[in-house]
Amino acid sequence: MNHDLLAGEARSRVHPHRFDTGNPLAERNTRRALYLTAVMMVVEIVGGWWFNSMAVLADGWHMSSHAIALGLAVFAYACARRWSQDARFTFGTWKIEILGGYTSALLLLAVAALMAVQSVQRLANPSPIHYDQAIAIAAVGLAVNLVCAWLLRGHHDHHHGHGHDHGDAHHHDLNLRSAYLHVLADAATSVLAIVALTGGKVWGAAWLDPTMGIVGAVLVTVWAWSLLRDSGRVLLDAEMDAPVVDEVRQVIEQGTVPARITDLHVWRVGRGHYACVVSLVTTAPVDAAFFRNALQVHEELVHVTVEVVHVPAAAVIA
């Protein structure tokens, strides 16, 4: 037996373990948003201390949490890119980005809780508000957040060569989405603050400021929960209700040869990319390559393992 020939054949069958090409544009724009947010954070903290405005100072520290979140997103992108060729990661490093998004969602929940607590405290113990300074800083902060939101507006992959859609949630860059939600949360907080501060200045309704803080906390909580749910599903490989699972079943069990799936596992290994392990029984004299070729119509299946068990021709495939 020619062992060199066998070794060459084995090397030719080695599958690449990098199933996601990254998102360089999103990484670059997230880094830009981080710089803008960090600069605005410093301006608000220094301005609040200089003008003795607790409202402005508090908003600066609030923005620091979003700067940390953006930094976390940039760090996740960098780690996924740096270790993309590391053989220790069986299915690539894409889930580092998902872990970053999940962690960021937890931080977003903490921000929402802090907003709620501070708002309730301010309702119970009102304090003087420097309206003009607070409105000006909130307006500048809103402008910065709008610029950051524009940078992070979405650089997602939405393509499928076989002509059907699996829903946007399956193609979103969840790391980018987490950064975007932090910026959006800060922008919403700024809008609510401007409305509340203007109302307080014009009508003397100081209670509007903490009330709007509570409204903002609820809104941020809803966004954070949505991100936690989506990123958590990916981290836990809870993908067996994805449309691609039914598509695999249709290809195998409704194809040109009689076959029945006995075991099926599908999980995500990239944005819109899935791995699949399927075991099946068939009466037809075909091998695993036949079914792998049939599944190629679904290009989101980037790593497919097929096990075929042949049964007597007289057997009934239920």
Protein backbone atom coordinates (compact mmCIF):
# COMPACT_ATOMS: atom_id res chain seq x y z
CA MET A 1 0.00 0.00 0.00
CA ASN A 2 1.32 3.44 -0.94
CA HIS A 3 1.32 5.34 2.35
CA ASP A 4 2.45 8.59 0.70
CA LEU A 5 -0.55 8.40 -1.63
CA LEU A 6 -2.88 7.82 1.32
CA ALA A 7 -1.35 10.75 3.22
CA GLY A 8 -1.81 13.01 0.20
CA GLU A 9 -5.42 11.91 -0.15
CA ALA A 10 -6.02 12.60 3.57
CA ARG A 11 -4.58 16.10 3.25
CA SER A 12 -6.80 16.83 0.26
CA ARG A 13 -9.85 15.95 2.35
CA VAL A 14 -8.98 18.20 5.30
CA HIS A 15 -11.77 20.71 5.89
CA PRO A 16 -10.97 24.32 6.76
CA HIS A 17 -12.17 25.30 10.23
CA ARG A 18 -12.72 28.96 9.53
CA PHE A 19 -16.35 29.39 8.50
CA ASP A 20 -16.70 33.15 8.96
CA THR A 21 -14.57 35.76 7.21
CA GLY A 22 -15.13 38.39 9.89
CA ASN A 23 -16.60 41.85 9.44
CA PRO A 24 -13.69 44.27 8.83
CA LEU A 25 -15.88 47.29 8.04
CA ALA A 26 -17.93 46.80 11.20
CA GLU A 27 -14.76 46.40 13.27
CA ARG A 28 -13.30 49.60 11.85
CA ASN A 29 -16.47 51.62 12.39
CA THR A 30 -16.93 50.23 15.91
CA ARG A 31 -13.42 51.41 16.72
CA ARG A 32 -14.29 54.89 15.39
CA ALA A 33 -17.47 54.94 17.48
CA LEU A 34 -15.39 53.95 20.52
CA TYR A 35 -13.05 56.91 20.02
CA LEU A 36 -15.94 59.38 19.67
CA THR A 37 -17.72 57.98 22.72
CA ALA A 38 -14.55 58.06 24.83
CA VAL A 39 -13.87 61.69 23.91
CA MET A 40 -17.46 62.68 24.73
CA MET A 41 -17.26 60.77 28.01
CA VAL A 42 -14.18 62.75 29.05
CA VAL A 43 -15.82 66.05 28.00
CA GLU A 44 -18.93 65.31 30.08
CA ILE A 45 -17.02 64.17 33.17
CA VAL A 46 -14.64 67.15 33.07
CA GLY A 47 -17.48 69.56 32.20
CA GLY A 48 -19.69 68.25 34.97
CA TRP A 49 -16.89 68.61 37.51
CA TRP A 50 -15.88 72.09 36.24
CA PHE A 51 -19.45 73.48 36.18
CA ASN A 52 -20.50 71.62 39.34
CA SER A 53 -23.36 69.94 37.47
CA MET A 54 -24.26 66.52 38.85
CA ALA A 55 -26.60 65.84 35.90
CA VAL A 56 -23.80 66.32 33.38
CA LEU A 57 -21.30 64.39 35.52
CA ALA A 58 -23.73 61.49 35.91
CA ASP A 59 -24.32 61.38 32.17
CA GLY A 60 -20.55 61.24 31.63
CA TRP A 61 -20.19 58.22 33.90
CA HIS A 62 -23.23 56.69 32.20
CA MET A 63 -21.51 57.13 28.83
CA SER A 64 -18.42 55.42 30.23
CA SER A 65 -20.37 52.15 30.45
CA HIS A 66 -21.12 52.41 26.74
CA ALA A 67 -17.46 53.17 26.00
CA ILE A 68 -16.57 49.96 27.84
CA ALA A 69 -19.16 48.05 25.78
CA LEU A 70 -17.80 49.41 22.51
CA GLY A 71 -14.29 48.52 23.66
CA LEU A 72 -15.52 45.00 24.40
CA ALA A 73 -16.93 44.72 20.88
CA VAL A 74 -13.64 45.88 19.34
CA PHE A 75 -11.73 43.44 21.55
CA ALA A 76 -13.98 40.55 20.46
CA TYR A 77 -13.43 41.38 16.78
CA ALA A 78 -9.67 41.54 17.32
CA CYS A 79 -9.52 38.22 19.20
CA ALA A 80 -11.64 36.43 16.61
CA ARG A 81 -9.37 37.74 13.85
CA ARG A 82 -6.11 37.02 15.69
CA TRP A 83 -6.96 33.41 16.52
CA SER A 84 -8.86 32.62 13.32
CA GLN A 85 -6.20 30.06 12.28
CA ASP A 86 -5.76 28.53 15.74
CA ALA A 87 -6.42 24.79 15.45
CA ARG A 88 -7.76 24.66 19.01
CA PHE A 89 -11.00 26.26 17.82
CA THR A 90 -12.79 23.31 16.22
CA PHE A 91 -15.37 25.41 14.40
CA GLY A 92 -13.54 28.71 14.15
CA THR A 93 -13.48 31.80 16.35
CA TRP A 94 -16.77 33.43 15.33
CA LYS A 95 -18.38 32.66 18.68
CA ILE A 96 -15.88 34.96 20.37
CA GLU A 97 -17.87 37.78 18.77
CA ILE A 98 -21.11 36.24 20.04
CA LEU A 99 -19.66 35.95 23.55
CA GLY A 100 -18.73 39.63 23.33
CA GLY A 101 -22.30 40.49 22.34
CA TYR A 102 -23.73 38.40 25.19
CA THR A 103 -21.42 40.03 27.74
CA SER A 104 -22.31 43.44 26.36
CA ALA A 105 -26.00 42.64 26.77
CA LEU A 106 -25.40 41.84 30.44
CA LEU A 107 -23.67 45.20 30.80
CA LEU A 108 -26.63 46.85 29.10
CA LEU A 109 -28.94 45.28 31.69
CA ALA A 110 -26.71 46.66 34.45
CA VAL A 111 -26.94 50.12 32.88
CA ALA A 112 -30.73 49.84 32.77
CA ALA A 113 -30.84 48.82 36.44
CA LEU A 114 -28.58 51.74 37.40
CA MET A 115 -30.78 54.15 35.42
CA ALA A 116 -33.90 52.86 37.18
CA VAL A 117 -32.37 53.05 40.67
CA GLN A 118 -31.04 56.57 40.16
CA SER A 119 -34.36 57.72 38.71
CA VAL A 120 -36.35 56.33 41.64
CA GLN A 121 -33.93 57.94 44.09
CA ARG A 122 -34.30 61.28 42.33
CA LEU A 123 -38.09 61.00 42.42
CA ALA A 124 -37.93 60.37 46.15
CA ASN A 125 -35.32 63.06 46.81
CA PRO A 126 -35.46 65.80 44.15
CA SER A 127 -32.29 67.85 43.68
CA PRO A 128 -31.67 71.18 41.88
CA ILE A 129 -31.03 70.78 38.14
CA HIS A 130 -28.79 73.07 36.08
CA TYR A 131 -31.14 73.05 33.10
CA ASP A 132 -29.19 75.10 30.57
CA GLN A 133 -25.91 73.24 31.05
CA ALA A 134 -27.61 69.83 31.19
CA ILE A 135 -29.61 70.48 28.01
CA ALA A 136 -26.52 71.68 26.14
CA ILE A 137 -24.43 68.67 27.15
CA ALA A 138 -27.31 66.27 26.39
CA ALA A 139 -27.69 67.82 22.93
CA VAL A 140 -23.97 67.42 22.19
CA GLY A 141 -24.10 63.87 23.51
CA LEU A 142 -27.08 63.12 21.26
CA ALA A 143 -25.17 64.43 18.24
CA VAL A 144 -22.21 62.17 19.06
CA ASN A 145 -24.52 59.19 19.52
CA LEU A 146 -26.22 59.85 16.18
CA VAL A 147 -22.84 59.88 14.45
CA CYS A 148 -21.90 56.62 16.18
CA ALA A 149 -25.28 55.09 15.28
CA TRP A 150 -24.66 56.02 11.64
CA LEU A 151 -21.27 54.33 11.77
CA LEU A 152 -22.82 51.20 13.29
CA ARG A 153 -26.06 51.29 11.28
CA GLY A 154 -25.46 47.76 10.02
CA HIS A 155 -22.93 45.92 7.92
CA HIS A 156 -24.60 42.54 7.93
CA ASP A 157 -24.49 39.74 5.42
CA HIS A 158 -27.88 39.04 3.82
CA HIS A 159 -27.17 36.77 0.91
CA HIS A 160 -28.36 33.35 -0.13
CA GLY A 161 -27.67 31.82 -3.47
CA HIS A 162 -30.59 29.39 -3.41
CA GLY A 163 -33.22 32.11 -3.43
CA HIS A 164 -34.91 32.07 -0.05
CA ASP A 165 -34.59 33.93 3.20
CA HIS A 166 -33.96 32.57 6.69
CA GLY A 167 -34.83 35.76 8.50
CA ASP A 168 -32.61 38.67 9.47
CA ALA A 169 -31.87 37.30 12.94
CA HIS A 170 -29.84 34.49 11.39
CA HIS A 171 -27.50 36.88 9.55
CA HIS A 172 -26.99 39.74 11.98
CA ASP A 173 -23.57 40.46 13.36
CA LEU A 174 -24.57 40.14 17.02
CA ASN A 175 -21.34 41.76 18.21
CA LEU A 176 -22.07 44.79 16.03
CA ARG A 177 -25.68 44.74 17.15
CA SER A 178 -24.61 44.88 20.79
CA ALA A 179 -22.44 47.94 20.10
CA TYR A 180 -25.27 49.55 18.14
CA LEU A 181 -27.76 48.94 20.95
CA HIS A 182 -25.47 50.61 23.48
CA VAL A 183 -25.19 53.67 21.24
CA LEU A 184 -28.93 53.60 20.58
CA ALA A 185 -29.64 53.33 24.30
CA ASP A 186 -27.45 56.36 24.99
CA ALA A 187 -29.14 58.28 22.16
CA ALA A 188 -32.59 57.42 23.51
CA THR A 189 -31.48 58.48 26.99
CA SER A 190 -30.28 61.81 25.57
CA VAL A 191 -33.57 62.41 23.73
CA LEU A 192 -35.62 61.60 26.83
CA ALA A 193 -33.33 63.79 28.93
CA ILE A 194 -33.69 66.75 26.54
CA VAL A 195 -37.49 66.39 26.54
CA ALA A 196 -37.61 66.08 30.33
CA LEU A 197 -35.16 68.91 31.00
CA THR A 198 -36.97 71.21 28.57
CA GLY A 199 -40.27 70.41 30.26
CA GLY A 200 -38.74 71.01 33.66
CA LYS A 201 -37.26 74.35 32.58
CA VAL A 202 -40.43 75.62 30.86
CA TRP A 203 -43.13 74.27 33.17
CA GLY A 204 -41.16 73.62 36.35
CA ALA A 205 -41.97 69.90 36.13
CA ALA A 206 -38.80 68.56 37.74
CA TRP A 207 -40.41 65.14 38.07
CA LEU A 208 -40.19 64.66 34.30
CA ASP A 209 -36.42 64.03 34.44
CA PRO A 210 -36.50 60.94 36.71
CA THR A 211 -39.72 59.70 35.08
CA MET A 212 -38.10 59.73 31.67
CA GLY A 213 -35.14 57.91 33.24
CA ILE A 214 -37.45 55.08 34.25
CA VAL A 215 -38.98 54.96 30.76
CA GLY A 216 -35.48 54.78 29.29
CA ALA A 217 -34.52 51.98 31.67
CA VAL A 218 -37.50 49.91 30.54
CA LEU A 219 -36.63 50.49 26.89
CA VAL A 220 -32.99 49.52 27.41
CA THR A 221 -34.07 46.38 29.29
CA VAL A 222 -36.22 45.25 26.35
CA TRP A 223 -33.31 45.74 23.92
CA ALA A 224 -30.87 43.97 26.23
CA TRP A 225 -33.19 41.00 26.71
CA SER A 226 -33.59 40.62 22.94
CA LEU A 227 -29.81 40.60 22.48
CA LEU A 228 -29.33 38.14 25.36
CA ARG A 229 -31.89 35.79 23.85
CA ASP A 230 -30.39 35.82 20.35
CA SER A 231 -26.74 35.55 21.43
CA GLY A 232 -27.56 32.97 24.10
CA ARG A 233 -29.24 30.73 21.51
CA VAL A 234 -26.08 30.74 19.43
CA LEU A 235 -23.77 30.07 22.39
CA LEU A 236 -25.95 27.15 23.54
CA ASP A 237 -26.36 25.77 19.98
CA ALA A 238 -30.14 26.05 20.31
CA GLU A 239 -30.63 26.10 16.53
CA MET A 240 -32.78 23.03 15.90
CA ASP A 241 -35.82 25.21 15.20
CA ALA A 242 -34.00 27.09 12.42
CA PRO A 243 -35.51 26.82 8.91
CA VAL A 244 -32.36 25.12 7.62
CA VAL A 245 -33.17 22.05 9.76
CA ASP A 246 -36.41 21.43 7.87
CA GLU A 247 -34.54 22.01 4.61
CA VAL A 248 -32.05 19.27 5.50
CA ARG A 249 -34.94 16.91 6.25
CA GLN A 250 -36.60 17.72 2.94
CA VAL A 251 -33.44 17.07 0.94
CA ILE A 252 -32.80 13.72 2.63
CA GLU A 253 -36.30 12.34 3.15
CA GLN A 254 -38.04 13.80 0.08
CA GLY A 255 -35.20 13.28 -2.37
CA THR A 256 -34.82 10.93 -5.32
CA VAL A 257 -33.89 7.91 -3.19
CA PRO A 258 -35.76 6.47 -0.18
CA ALA A 259 -34.07 7.53 3.07
CA ARG A 260 -34.97 8.28 6.67
CA ILE A 261 -33.01 10.45 9.12
CA THR A 262 -32.26 8.72 12.42
CA ASP A 263 -30.13 11.47 13.99
CA LEU A 264 -29.62 15.12 13.08
CA HIS A 265 -27.59 17.94 14.65
CA VAL A 266 -27.40 21.47 13.23
CA TRP A 267 -25.62 24.44 14.80
CA ARG A 268 -24.32 27.81 13.70
CA VAL A 269 -20.61 28.38 13.03
CA GLY A 270 -20.79 31.83 11.40
CA ARG A 271 -23.20 34.55 10.33
CA GLY A 272 -25.70 32.53 8.30
CA HIS A 273 -23.36 29.52 8.22
CA TYR A 274 -24.20 26.15 9.75
CA ALA A 275 -22.56 22.82 10.48
CA CYS A 276 -24.58 19.64 10.16
CA VAL A 277 -24.16 16.04 11.30
CA VAL A 278 -26.77 13.62 9.96
CA SER A 279 -27.23 9.87 10.31
CA LEU A 280 -29.67 8.11 7.99
CA VAL A 281 -30.83 4.73 6.74
CA THR A 282 -31.57 3.96 3.11
CA THR A 283 -32.36 1.00 0.88
CA ALA A 284 -30.59 2.60 -2.10
CA PRO A 285 -27.02 1.62 -3.07
CA VAL A 286 -25.67 5.16 -2.58
CA ASP A 287 -22.91 6.47 -0.32
CA ALA A 288 -22.54 9.50 1.96
CA ALA A 289 -21.12 11.60 -0.89
CA PHE A 290 -24.49 11.34 -2.70
CA PHE A 291 -26.32 13.01 0.20
CA ARG A 292 -23.56 15.59 0.77
CA ASN A 293 -23.84 16.63 -2.85
CA ALA A 294 -27.63 16.87 -2.54
CA LEU A 295 -27.25 19.16 0.48
CA GLN A 296 -24.93 21.53 -1.40
CA VAL A 297 -28.00 23.32 -2.76
CA HIS A 298 -28.14 25.01 0.66
CA GLU A 299 -24.93 27.03 0.67
CA GLU A 300 -25.30 28.03 4.32
CA LEU A 301 -24.33 24.42 5.18
CA VAL A 302 -20.55 24.83 5.23
CA HIS A 303 -19.55 21.71 7.18
CA VAL A 304 -21.58 18.54 6.58
CA THR A 305 -20.95 15.07 8.00
CA VAL A 306 -23.15 12.22 6.76
CA GLU A 307 -23.38 8.67 8.10
CA VAL A 308 -25.27 6.17 5.94
CA VAL A 309 -26.61 2.81 7.11
CA HIS A 310 -27.83 0.51 4.36
CA VAL A 311 -30.81 -1.72 5.07
CA PRO A 312 -32.23 -4.58 2.94
CA ALA A 313 -34.15 -3.47 -0.12
CA ALA A 314 -37.30 -5.04 1.28
CA ALA A 315 -37.19 -2.83 4.36
CA VAL A 316 -39.74 -0.07 4.67
CA ILE A 317 -38.45 3.46 5.25
CA ALA A 318 -41.04 5.03 7.56
